[in-house]
Amino acid sequence: MDILKELFSDFTLLGLVVFFLTILAMWLVGIPRKIAFVVFTISQVIQIYIFFEKNQGFLILTMIILIVFNVINYFRWKTQGIN
C-alpha cells in the first residue's frame, strides 16, 4: 500500500487535470485550432502551481517559457486566419 501513497500524492487530481488538458490541447493543435494554446496555458499554470509546491524552480521556468511561446503562437495563428 505504500507504493500507492507514493504514486497518488496530494497532486494526483491536478495531475489528472493537466493530463487531460494537455491531450486535448495537442488534439486541438492537430485540427488546427488556436484555442489549443489557451488550453496549453491553463495546463501549464496548473503545473506551475504543482512545481512551486514541490520547489522545482527549473520546471517552473520551463512552464513560463512555454506560456510565452503559447501567447506568441496564438497571435501568429490569429494573424494567419486560423480559427
Protein backbone atom coordinates (compact mmCIF):
# COMPACT_ATOMS: atom_id res chain seq x y z
CA MET A 1 0.00 0.00 0.00
CA ASP A 2 2.94 2.37 0.44
CA ILE A 3 3.54 2.32 -3.30
CA LEU A 4 0.01 3.63 -3.84
CA LYS A 5 0.67 6.51 -1.45
CA GLU A 6 3.81 7.37 -3.41
CA LEU A 7 2.10 7.19 -6.80
CA PHE A 8 -1.03 9.06 -5.79
CA SER A 9 0.07 12.12 -3.88
CA ASP A 10 -1.95 15.19 -2.96
CA PHE A 11 -1.45 16.44 -6.51
CA THR A 12 -2.99 13.42 -8.24
CA LEU A 13 -6.21 15.21 -9.17
CA LEU A 14 -4.33 18.23 -10.51
CA GLY A 15 -2.02 15.91 -12.41
CA LEU A 16 -5.03 14.19 -13.93
CA VAL A 17 -6.47 17.56 -14.99
CA VAL A 18 -3.11 18.51 -16.53
CA PHE A 19 -3.02 15.17 -18.35
CA PHE A 20 -6.43 15.65 -19.97
CA LEU A 21 -5.85 19.33 -20.77
CA THR A 22 -2.54 18.55 -22.46
CA ILE A 23 -4.06 15.71 -24.52
CA LEU A 24 -6.95 17.99 -25.52
CA ALA A 25 -4.58 20.81 -26.47
CA MET A 26 -2.44 18.53 -28.62
CA TRP A 27 -5.57 17.32 -30.41
CA LEU A 28 -6.67 20.92 -30.98
CA VAL A 29 -3.26 21.81 -32.43
CA GLY A 30 -3.70 19.00 -34.94
CA ILE A 31 -7.08 20.27 -36.16
CA PRO A 32 -5.68 23.24 -36.03
CA ARG A 33 -7.46 25.49 -33.54
CA LYS A 34 -5.78 28.42 -31.80
CA ILE A 35 -7.76 27.70 -28.61
CA ALA A 36 -5.18 24.91 -28.15
CA PHE A 37 -2.70 27.48 -26.92
CA VAL A 38 -5.19 28.71 -24.31
CA VAL A 39 -5.72 25.12 -23.11
CA PHE A 40 -1.94 24.56 -23.02
CA THR A 41 -1.54 27.75 -20.97
CA ILE A 42 -4.16 26.67 -18.43
CA SER A 43 -2.40 23.31 -18.12
CA GLN A 44 0.95 24.99 -17.63
CA VAL A 45 -0.38 27.37 -14.97
CA ILE A 46 -1.60 24.34 -13.01
CA GLN A 47 1.82 22.75 -13.48
CA ILE A 48 3.50 25.91 -12.17
CA TYR A 49 1.41 25.61 -9.01
CA ILE A 50 2.38 21.94 -8.58
CA PHE A 51 6.06 22.65 -9.25
CA PHE A 52 6.02 25.64 -6.87
CA GLU A 53 4.69 23.43 -4.09
CA LYS A 54 7.45 20.91 -4.83
CA ASN A 55 10.21 23.56 -5.11
CA GLN A 56 11.03 22.73 -8.74
CA GLY A 57 12.47 26.03 -9.96
CA PHE A 58 13.70 24.92 -13.37
CA LEU A 59 10.39 23.28 -14.21
CA ILE A 60 8.59 26.49 -13.26
CA LEU A 61 10.95 28.41 -15.55
CA THR A 62 10.25 25.91 -18.33
CA MET A 63 6.48 26.37 -17.95
CA ILE A 64 6.84 30.18 -18.01
CA ILE A 65 8.85 29.99 -21.25
CA LEU A 66 6.25 27.64 -22.75
CA ILE A 67 3.48 30.07 -21.80
CA VAL A 68 5.35 32.84 -23.64
CA PHE A 69 5.54 30.57 -26.71
CA ASN A 70 1.82 29.84 -26.40
CA VAL A 71 1.00 33.56 -26.45
CA ILE A 72 3.30 34.15 -29.44
CA ASN A 73 1.85 31.21 -31.38
CA TYR A 74 -1.72 32.17 -30.53
CA PHE A 75 -1.26 35.59 -32.12
CA ARG A 76 0.76 34.13 -35.00
CA TRP A 77 -2.08 31.75 -35.83
CA LYS A 78 -4.59 34.58 -35.37
CA THR A 79 -2.81 36.72 -37.98
CA GLN A 80 -2.76 33.71 -40.35
CA GLY A 81 -6.52 33.39 -40.03
CA ILE A 82 -6.55 30.05 -38.21
CA ASN A 83 -9.63 29.59 -36.02
